[in-house]
Amino acid sequence: MALAMPNALGHPRLGLIVSKKNVRRAVDRNRFKRLVRESVRLQQDRLPAVDIVVLAKRGVQELDNETLHRQIHGMWRRLERDVRNASSITT
């Protein structure tokens, strides 16, 4: 799950929330954070200028890297679409 707010910096910023309650093992929390950071690094030029907070849901540790990467990539596409739609509504 991702939450986003526009920023005036001209580039995206990332915040991660991975609670011990939802993802028990530190190795799983760190793997999730590593994959999300790498995805943002690769997509940075395509992402809009927003502050993004990604929250890890329960069960994320059971997904393999490829599935998690596909879900993260889909989340970025939805974020781009939502920001584009929101900006067309306000202008």
PDB file of N, CA and C in Angstrom:
ATOM      1  N   MET A   1       0.850  -1.170   0.000  1.00  0.00           N
ATOM      2  CA  MET A   1       0.000   0.000   0.000  1.00  0.00           C
ATOM      3  C   MET A   1       0.896   1.234   0.000  1.00  0.00           C
ATOM      4  N   ALA A   2       0.506   2.222  -0.788  1.00  0.00           N
ATOM      5  CA  ALA A   2       1.297   3.447  -0.872  1.00  0.00           C
ATOM      6  C   ALA A   2       0.400   4.664  -0.693  1.00  0.00           C
ATOM      7  N   LEU A   3       0.902   5.635   0.026  1.00  0.00           N
ATOM      8  CA  LEU A   3       0.241   6.924   0.193  1.00  0.00           C
ATOM      9  C   LEU A   3       1.142   7.967  -0.442  1.00  0.00           C
ATOM     10  N   ALA A   4       0.555   8.992  -1.049  1.00  0.00           N
ATOM     11  CA  ALA A   4       1.378   9.994  -1.730  1.00  0.00           C
ATOM     12  C   ALA A   4       0.794  11.385  -1.557  1.00  0.00           C
ATOM     13  N   MET A   5       1.701  12.351  -1.462  1.00  0.00           N
ATOM     14  CA  MET A   5       1.348  13.766  -1.407  1.00  0.00           C
ATOM     15  C   MET A   5       2.304  14.510  -2.330  1.00  0.00           C
ATOM     16  N   PRO A   6       1.809  15.491  -3.078  1.00  0.00           N
ATOM     17  CA  PRO A   6       2.700  16.245  -3.968  1.00  0.00           C
ATOM     18  C   PRO A   6       3.775  16.992  -3.172  1.00  0.00           C
ATOM     19  N   ASN A   7       4.946  17.134  -3.784  1.00  0.00           N
ATOM     20  CA  ASN A   7       5.992  17.951  -3.176  1.00  0.00           C
ATOM     21  C   ASN A   7       6.509  18.935  -4.214  1.00  0.00           C
ATOM     22  N   ALA A   8       7.235  19.927  -3.774  1.00  0.00           N
ATOM     23  CA  ALA A   8       7.738  20.966  -4.671  1.00  0.00           C
ATOM     24  C   ALA A   8       9.212  20.761  -5.005  1.00  0.00           C
ATOM     25  N   LEU A   9       9.734  19.574  -4.762  1.00  0.00           N
ATOM     26  CA  LEU A   9      11.157  19.321  -4.961  1.00  0.00           C
ATOM     27  C   LEU A   9      11.503  18.959  -6.402  1.00  0.00           C
ATOM     28  N   GLY A  10      10.530  18.492  -7.156  1.00  0.00           N
ATOM     29  CA  GLY A  10      10.799  18.090  -8.531  1.00  0.00           C
ATOM     30  C   GLY A  10      11.247  16.646  -8.673  1.00  0.00           C
ATOM     31  N   HIS A  11      11.290  15.914  -7.574  1.00  0.00           N
ATOM     32  CA  HIS A  11      11.643  14.490  -7.624  1.00  0.00           C
ATOM     33  C   HIS A  11      10.905  13.769  -6.498  1.00  0.00           C
ATOM     34  N   PRO A  12      10.725  12.460  -6.630  1.00  0.00           N
ATOM     35  CA  PRO A  12      10.011  11.718  -5.586  1.00  0.00           C
ATOM     36  C   PRO A  12      10.883  11.489  -4.353  1.00  0.00           C
ATOM     37  N   ARG A  13      10.225  11.405  -3.198  1.00  0.00           N
ATOM     38  CA  ARG A  13      10.890  11.006  -1.956  1.00  0.00           C
ATOM     39  C   ARG A  13      10.160   9.787  -1.436  1.00  0.00           C
ATOM     40  N   LEU A  14      10.868   8.939  -0.708  1.00  0.00           N
ATOM     41  CA  LEU A  14      10.313   7.668  -0.266  1.00  0.00           C
ATOM     42  C   LEU A  14      10.410   7.528   1.238  1.00  0.00           C
ATOM     43  N   GLY A  15       9.333   7.041   1.835  1.00  0.00           N
ATOM     44  CA  GLY A  15       9.314   6.653   3.235  1.00  0.00           C
ATOM     45  C   GLY A  15       8.779   5.236   3.319  1.00  0.00           C
ATOM     46  N   LEU A  16       9.319   4.434   4.217  1.00  0.00           N
ATOM     47  CA  LEU A  16       8.911   3.037   4.348  1.00  0.00           C
ATOM     48  C   LEU A  16       8.443   2.762   5.766  1.00  0.00           C
ATOM     49  N   ILE A  17       7.325   2.061   5.872  1.00  0.00           N
ATOM     50  CA  ILE A  17       6.821   1.629   7.173  1.00  0.00           C
ATOM     51  C   ILE A  17       6.650   0.119   7.107  1.00  0.00           C
ATOM     52  N   VAL A  18       7.488  -0.583   7.858  1.00  0.00           N
ATOM     53  CA  VAL A  18       7.429  -2.043   7.896  1.00  0.00           C
ATOM     54  C   VAL A  18       7.419  -2.428   9.369  1.00  0.00           C
ATOM     55  N   SER A  19       6.244  -2.635   9.915  1.00  0.00           N
ATOM     56  CA  SER A  19       6.143  -2.882  11.352  1.00  0.00           C
ATOM     57  C   SER A  19       6.494  -4.326  11.699  1.00  0.00           C
ATOM     58  N   LYS A  20       7.024  -4.480  12.886  1.00  0.00           N
ATOM     59  CA  LYS A  20       7.363  -5.808  13.381  1.00  0.00           C
ATOM     60  C   LYS A  20       6.102  -6.643  13.588  1.00  0.00           C
ATOM     61  N   LYS A  21       4.989  -5.980  13.819  1.00  0.00           N
ATOM     62  CA  LYS A  21       3.717  -6.681  13.999  1.00  0.00           C
ATOM     63  C   LYS A  21       3.296  -7.386  12.706  1.00  0.00           C
ATOM     64  N   ASN A  22       3.526  -6.745  11.560  1.00  0.00           N
ATOM     65  CA  ASN A  22       3.114  -7.320  10.279  1.00  0.00           C
ATOM     66  C   ASN A  22       4.169  -8.223   9.655  1.00  0.00           C
ATOM     67  N   VAL A  23       5.438  -7.909   9.847  1.00  0.00           N
ATOM     68  CA  VAL A  23       6.533  -8.700   9.274  1.00  0.00           C
ATOM     69  C   VAL A  23       7.499  -8.993  10.413  1.00  0.00           C
ATOM     70  N   ARG A  24       7.428 -10.190  10.951  1.00  0.00           N
ATOM     71  CA  ARG A  24       8.119 -10.518  12.193  1.00  0.00           C
ATOM     72  C   ARG A  24       9.643 -10.510  12.087  1.00  0.00           C
ATOM     73  N   ARG A  25      10.189 -11.156  11.085  1.00  0.00           N
ATOM     74  CA  ARG A  25      11.644 -11.323  11.028  1.00  0.00           C
ATOM     75  C   ARG A  25      12.328 -10.117  10.389  1.00  0.00           C
ATOM     76  N   ALA A  26      13.427  -9.691  10.999  1.00  0.00           N
ATOM     77  CA  ALA A  26      14.171  -8.531  10.501  1.00  0.00           C
ATOM     78  C   ALA A  26      14.664  -8.762   9.079  1.00  0.00           C
ATOM     79  N   VAL A  27      15.063  -9.977   8.767  1.00  0.00           N
ATOM     80  CA  VAL A  27      15.561 -10.262   7.428  1.00  0.00           C
ATOM     81  C   VAL A  27      14.463 -10.034   6.385  1.00  0.00           C
ATOM     82  N   ASP A  28      13.219 -10.344   6.724  1.00  0.00           N
ATOM     83  CA  ASP A  28      12.096 -10.121   5.802  1.00  0.00           C
ATOM     84  C   ASP A  28      11.771  -8.639   5.682  1.00  0.00           C
ATOM     85  N   ARG A  29      11.833  -7.912   6.794  1.00  0.00           N
ATOM     86  CA  ARG A  29      11.601  -6.465   6.742  1.00  0.00           C
ATOM     87  C   ARG A  29      12.660  -5.785   5.881  1.00  0.00           C
ATOM     88  N   ASN A  30      13.911  -6.177   6.070  1.00  0.00           N
ATOM     89  CA  ASN A  30      15.002  -5.579   5.304  1.00  0.00           C
ATOM     90  C   ASN A  30      14.921  -5.939   3.827  1.00  0.00           C
ATOM     91  N   ARG A  31      14.516  -7.159   3.497  1.00  0.00           N
ATOM     92  CA  ARG A  31      14.363  -7.565   2.096  1.00  0.00           C
ATOM     93  C   ARG A  31      13.304  -6.719   1.418  1.00  0.00           C
ATOM     94  N   PHE A  32      12.176  -6.512   2.101  1.00  0.00           N
ATOM     95  CA  PHE A  32      11.107  -5.686   1.540  1.00  0.00           C
ATOM     96  C   PHE A  32      11.610  -4.266   1.281  1.00  0.00           C
ATOM     97  N   LYS A  33      12.284  -3.692   2.266  1.00  0.00           N
ATOM     98  CA  LYS A  33      12.790  -2.325   2.109  1.00  0.00           C
ATOM     99  C   LYS A  33      13.815  -2.232   0.981  1.00  0.00           C
ATOM    100  N   ARG A  34      14.687  -3.224   0.874  1.00  0.00           N
ATOM    101  CA  ARG A  34      15.687  -3.234  -0.198  1.00  0.00           C
ATOM    102  C   ARG A  34      15.024  -3.275  -1.569  1.00  0.00           C
ATOM    103  N   LEU A  35      14.021  -4.134  -1.728  1.00  0.00           N
ATOM    104  CA  LEU A  35      13.343  -4.256  -3.018  1.00  0.00           C
ATOM    105  C   LEU A  35      12.594  -2.976  -3.385  1.00  0.00           C
ATOM    106  N   VAL A  36      11.947  -2.348  -2.418  1.00  0.00           N
ATOM    107  CA  VAL A  36      11.217  -1.108  -2.703  1.00  0.00           C
ATOM    108  C   VAL A  36      12.194   0.006  -3.061  1.00  0.00           C
ATOM    109  N   ARG A  37      13.284   0.136  -2.316  1.00  0.00           N
ATOM    110  CA  ARG A  37      14.274   1.182  -2.623  1.00  0.00           C
ATOM    111  C   ARG A  37      14.873   0.993  -4.014  1.00  0.00           C
ATOM    112  N   GLU A  38      15.194  -0.247  -4.360  1.00  0.00           N
ATOM    113  CA  GLU A  38      15.762  -0.518  -5.678  1.00  0.00           C
ATOM    114  C   GLU A  38      14.748  -0.202  -6.771  1.00  0.00           C
ATOM    115  N   SER A  39      13.499  -0.523  -6.540  1.00  0.00           N
ATOM    116  CA  SER A  39      12.451  -0.225  -7.513  1.00  0.00           C
ATOM    117  C   SER A  39      12.310   1.282  -7.712  1.00  0.00           C
ATOM    118  N   VAL A  40      12.356   2.046  -6.637  1.00  0.00           N
ATOM    119  CA  VAL A  40      12.275   3.507  -6.745  1.00  0.00           C
ATOM    120  C   VAL A  40      13.491   4.039  -7.495  1.00  0.00           C
ATOM    121  N   ARG A  41      14.662   3.496  -7.213  1.00  0.00           N
ATOM    122  CA  ARG A  41      15.872   3.942  -7.901  1.00  0.00           C
ATOM    123  C   ARG A  41      15.752   3.720  -9.409  1.00  0.00           C
ATOM    124  N   LEU A  42      15.216   2.566  -9.809  1.00  0.00           N
ATOM    125  CA  LEU A  42      15.078   2.262 -11.230  1.00  0.00           C
ATOM    126  C   LEU A  42      13.967   3.065 -11.899  1.00  0.00           C
ATOM    127  N   GLN A  43      12.926   3.422 -11.153  1.00  0.00           N
ATOM    128  CA  GLN A  43      11.770   4.128 -11.707  1.00  0.00           C
ATOM    129  C   GLN A  43      11.803   5.624 -11.424  1.00  0.00           C
ATOM    130  N   GLN A  44      12.863   6.128 -10.832  1.00  0.00           N
ATOM    131  CA  GLN A  44      12.908   7.502 -10.342  1.00  0.00           C
ATOM    132  C   GLN A  44      12.582   8.532 -11.415  1.00  0.00           C
ATOM    133  N   ASP A  45      13.041   8.310 -12.638  1.00  0.00           N
ATOM    134  CA  ASP A  45      12.774   9.283 -13.694  1.00  0.00           C
ATOM    135  C   ASP A  45      11.328   9.253 -14.166  1.00  0.00           C
ATOM    136  N   ARG A  46      10.614   8.163 -13.914  1.00  0.00           N
ATOM    137  CA  ARG A  46       9.218   8.049 -14.334  1.00  0.00           C
ATOM    138  C   ARG A  46       8.230   8.454 -13.243  1.00  0.00           C
ATOM    139  N   LEU A  47       8.655   8.417 -11.992  1.00  0.00           N
ATOM    140  CA  LEU A  47       7.748   8.729 -10.889  1.00  0.00           C
ATOM    141  C   LEU A  47       7.515  10.232 -10.800  1.00  0.00           C
ATOM    142  N   PRO A  48       6.290  10.638 -10.451  1.00  0.00           N
ATOM    143  CA  PRO A  48       6.002  12.067 -10.307  1.00  0.00           C
ATOM    144  C   PRO A  48       6.667  12.637  -9.055  1.00  0.00           C
ATOM    145  N   ALA A  49       6.678  13.952  -8.955  1.00  0.00           N
ATOM    146  CA  ALA A  49       7.278  14.641  -7.804  1.00  0.00           C
ATOM    147  C   ALA A  49       6.311  14.579  -6.626  1.00  0.00           C
ATOM    148  N   VAL A  50       6.371  13.476  -5.901  1.00  0.00           N
ATOM    149  CA  VAL A  50       5.498  13.273  -4.746  1.00  0.00           C
ATOM    150  C   VAL A  50       6.313  12.667  -3.607  1.00  0.00           C
ATOM    151  N   ASP A  51       5.798  12.846  -2.403  1.00  0.00           N
ATOM    152  CA  ASP A  51       6.331  12.148  -1.240  1.00  0.00           C
ATOM    153  C   ASP A  51       5.535  10.856  -1.121  1.00  0.00           C
ATOM    154  N   ILE A  52       6.220   9.724  -1.135  1.00  0.00           N
ATOM    155  CA  ILE A  52       5.569   8.415  -1.136  1.00  0.00           C
ATOM    156  C   ILE A  52       5.879   7.713   0.175  1.00  0.00           C
ATOM    157  N   VAL A  53       4.848   7.182   0.813  1.00  0.00           N
ATOM    158  CA  VAL A  53       5.027   6.340   1.991  1.00  0.00           C
ATOM    159  C   VAL A  53       4.473   4.966   1.639  1.00  0.00           C
ATOM    160  N   VAL A  54       5.333   3.954   1.712  1.00  0.00           N
ATOM    161  CA  VAL A  54       4.940   2.580   1.402  1.00  0.00           C
ATOM    162  C   VAL A  54       4.792   1.828   2.713  1.00  0.00           C
ATOM    163  N   LEU A  55       3.629   1.210   2.897  1.00  0.00           N
ATOM    164  CA  LEU A  55       3.346   0.429   4.098  1.00  0.00           C
ATOM    165  C   LEU A  55       3.324  -1.051   3.733  1.00  0.00           C
ATOM    166  N   ALA A  56       4.054  -1.861   4.480  1.00  0.00           N
ATOM    167  CA  ALA A  56       4.072  -3.302   4.238  1.00  0.00           C
ATOM    168  C   ALA A  56       2.878  -3.937   4.933  1.00  0.00           C
ATOM    169  N   LYS A  57       2.140  -4.713   4.182  1.00  0.00           N
ATOM    170  CA  LYS A  57       0.990  -5.420   4.734  1.00  0.00           C
ATOM    171  C   LYS A  57       1.417  -6.788   5.261  1.00  0.00           C
ATOM    172  N   ARG A  58       0.584  -7.369   6.079  1.00  0.00           N
ATOM    173  CA  ARG A  58       0.836  -8.693   6.616  1.00  0.00           C
ATOM    174  C   ARG A  58       0.937  -9.713   5.477  1.00  0.00           C
ATOM    175  N   GLY A  59       1.884 -10.606   5.569  1.00  0.00           N
ATOM    176  CA  GLY A  59       2.044 -11.650   4.569  1.00  0.00           C
ATOM    177  C   GLY A  59       3.016 -11.313   3.461  1.00  0.00           C
ATOM    178  N   VAL A  60       3.573 -10.116   3.455  1.00  0.00           N
ATOM    179  CA  VAL A  60       4.502  -9.726   2.397  1.00  0.00           C
ATOM    180  C   VAL A  60       5.761 -10.602   2.423  1.00  0.00           C
ATOM    181  N   GLN A  61       6.121 -11.131   3.565  1.00  0.00           N
ATOM    182  CA  GLN A  61       7.317 -11.960   3.676  1.00  0.00           C
ATOM    183  C   GLN A  61       7.150 -13.299   2.971  1.00  0.00           C
ATOM    184  N   GLU A  62       5.927 -13.693   2.676  1.00  0.00           N
ATOM    185  CA  GLU A  62       5.685 -14.979   2.020  1.00  0.00           C
ATOM    186  C   GLU A  62       5.772 -14.890   0.502  1.00  0.00           C
ATOM    187  N   LEU A  63       5.860 -13.677  -0.043  1.00  0.00           N
ATOM    188  CA  LEU A  63       5.964 -13.499  -1.489  1.00  0.00           C
ATOM    189  C   LEU A  63       7.415 -13.652  -1.930  1.00  0.00           C
ATOM    190  N   ASP A  64       7.614 -14.282  -3.090  1.00  0.00           N
ATOM    191  CA  ASP A  64       8.979 -14.352  -3.612  1.00  0.00           C
ATOM    192  C   ASP A  64       9.351 -13.011  -4.241  1.00  0.00           C
ATOM    193  N   ASN A  65      10.624 -12.833  -4.541  1.00  0.00           N
ATOM    194  CA  ASN A  65      11.110 -11.540  -5.029  1.00  0.00           C
ATOM    195  C   ASN A  65      10.431 -11.120  -6.322  1.00  0.00           C
ATOM    196  N   GLU A  66      10.231 -12.050  -7.249  1.00  0.00           N
ATOM    197  CA  GLU A  66       9.623 -11.716  -8.537  1.00  0.00           C
ATOM    198  C   GLU A  66       8.183 -11.233  -8.352  1.00  0.00           C
ATOM    199  N   THR A  67       7.409 -11.906  -7.534  1.00  0.00           N
ATOM    200  CA  THR A  67       6.022 -11.502  -7.279  1.00  0.00           C
ATOM    201  C   THR A  67       5.979 -10.145  -6.594  1.00  0.00           C
ATOM    202  N   LEU A  68       6.830  -9.957  -5.621  1.00  0.00           N
ATOM    203  CA  LEU A  68       6.880  -8.682  -4.907  1.00  0.00           C
ATOM    204  C   LEU A  68       7.290  -7.555  -5.850  1.00  0.00           C
ATOM    205  N   HIS A  69       8.259  -7.821  -6.718  1.00  0.00           N
ATOM    206  CA  HIS A  69       8.689  -6.810  -7.689  1.00  0.00           C
ATOM    207  C   HIS A  69       7.534  -6.439  -8.624  1.00  0.00           C
ATOM    208  N   ARG A  70       6.774  -7.428  -9.102  1.00  0.00           N
ATOM    209  CA  ARG A  70       5.622  -7.145  -9.974  1.00  0.00           C
ATOM    210  C   ARG A  70       4.579  -6.301  -9.250  1.00  0.00           C
ATOM    211  N   GLN A  71       4.316  -6.608  -7.992  1.00  0.00           N
ATOM    212  CA  GLN A  71       3.332  -5.835  -7.233  1.00  0.00           C
ATOM    213  C   GLN A  71       3.808  -4.401  -7.006  1.00  0.00           C
ATOM    214  N   ILE A  72       5.076  -4.231  -6.712  1.00  0.00           N
ATOM    215  CA  ILE A  72       5.623  -2.887  -6.508  1.00  0.00           C
ATOM    216  C   ILE A  72       5.560  -2.095  -7.805  1.00  0.00           C
ATOM    217  N   HIS A  73       5.925  -2.740  -8.921  1.00  0.00           N
ATOM    218  CA  HIS A  73       5.878  -2.067 -10.221  1.00  0.00           C
ATOM    219  C   HIS A  73       4.441  -1.646 -10.553  1.00  0.00           C
ATOM    220  N   GLY A  74       3.477  -2.507 -10.270  1.00  0.00           N
ATOM    221  CA  GLY A  74       2.071  -2.154 -10.486  1.00  0.00           C
ATOM    222  C   GLY A  74       1.637  -0.993  -9.605  1.00  0.00           C
ATOM    223  N   MET A  75       2.171  -0.949  -8.391  1.00  0.00           N
ATOM    224  CA  MET A  75       1.851   0.147  -7.480  1.00  0.00           C
ATOM    225  C   MET A  75       2.362   1.469  -8.043  1.00  0.00           C
ATOM    226  N   TRP A  76       3.567   1.468  -8.640  1.00  0.00           N
ATOM    227  CA  TRP A  76       4.101   2.698  -9.243  1.00  0.00           C
ATOM    228  C   TRP A  76       3.253   3.128 -10.431  1.00  0.00           C
ATOM    229  N   ARG A  77       2.794   2.175 -11.253  1.00  0.00           N
ATOM    230  CA  ARG A  77       1.937   2.526 -12.398  1.00  0.00           C
ATOM    231  C   ARG A  77       0.630   3.154 -11.920  1.00  0.00           C
ATOM    232  N   ARG A  78       0.031   2.572 -10.878  1.00  0.00           N
ATOM    233  CA  ARG A  78      -1.215   3.141 -10.333  1.00  0.00           C
ATOM    234  C   ARG A  78      -0.966   4.532  -9.761  1.00  0.00           C
ATOM    235  N   LEU A  79       0.163   4.714  -9.098  1.00  0.00           N
ATOM    236  CA  LEU A  79       0.507   6.018  -8.530  1.00  0.00           C
ATOM    237  C   LEU A  79       0.661   7.060  -9.633  1.00  0.00           C
ATOM    238  N   GLU A  80       1.374   6.712 -10.707  1.00  0.00           N
ATOM    239  CA  GLU A  80       1.530   7.635 -11.840  1.00  0.00           C
ATOM    240  C   GLU A  80       0.168   8.014 -12.408  1.00  0.00           C
ATOM    241  N   ARG A  81      -0.684   7.017 -12.614  1.00  0.00           N
ATOM    242  CA  ARG A  81      -2.020   7.253 -13.172  1.00  0.00           C
ATOM    243  C   ARG A  81      -2.847   8.139 -12.246  1.00  0.00           C
ATOM    244  N   ASP A  82      -2.835   7.848 -10.953  1.00  0.00           N
ATOM    245  CA  ASP A  82      -3.634   8.625 -10.004  1.00  0.00           C
ATOM    246  C   ASP A  82      -3.160  10.071  -9.921  1.00  0.00           C
ATOM    247  N   VAL A  83      -1.850  10.280  -9.936  1.00  0.00           N
ATOM    248  CA  VAL A  83      -1.320  11.647  -9.888  1.00  0.00           C
ATOM    249  C   VAL A  83      -1.684  12.382 -11.167  1.00  0.00           C
ATOM    250  N   ARG A  84      -1.576  11.711 -12.305  1.00  0.00           N
ATOM    251  CA  ARG A  84      -1.933  12.326 -13.585  1.00  0.00           C
ATOM    252  C   ARG A  84      -3.416  12.708 -13.596  1.00  0.00           C
ATOM    253  N   ASN A  85      -4.285  11.810 -13.119  1.00  0.00           N
ATOM    254  CA  ASN A  85      -5.720  12.099 -13.067  1.00  0.00           C
ATOM    255  C   ASN A  85      -6.029  13.225 -12.091  1.00  0.00           C
ATOM    256  N   ALA A  86      -5.364  13.249 -10.952  1.00  0.00           N
ATOM    257  CA  ALA A  86      -5.602  14.301  -9.959  1.00  0.00           C
ATOM    258  C   ALA A  86      -5.158  15.656 -10.488  1.00  0.00           C
ATOM    259  N   SER A  87      -4.051  15.690 -11.223  1.00  0.00           N
ATOM    260  CA  SER A  87      -3.582  16.975 -11.744  1.00  0.00           C
ATOM    261  C   SER A  87      -4.484  17.473 -12.867  1.00  0.00           C
ATOM    262  N   SER A  88      -5.082  16.574 -13.638  1.00  0.00           N
ATOM    263  CA  SER A  88      -5.989  17.016 -14.703  1.00  0.00           C
ATOM    264  C   SER A  88      -7.307  17.524 -14.125  1.00  0.00           C
ATOM    265  N   ILE A  89      -7.692  17.025 -12.979  1.00  0.00           N
ATOM    266  CA  ILE A  89      -8.927  17.482 -12.331  1.00  0.00           C
ATOM    267  C   ILE A  89      -8.736  18.880 -11.754  1.00  0.00           C
ATOM    268  N   THR A  90      -7.567  19.148 -11.169  1.00  0.00           N
ATOM    269  CA  THR A  90      -7.342  20.438 -10.507  1.00  0.00           C
ATOM    270  C   THR A  90      -7.027  21.559 -11.485  1.00  0.00           C
ATOM    271  N   THR A  91      -6.633  21.229 -12.724  1.00  0.00           N
ATOM    272  CA  THR A  91      -6.317  22.294 -13.685  1.00  0.00           C
ATOM    273  C   THR A  91      -7.427  22.502 -14.664  1.00  0.00           C
TER     274      THR A  91
END
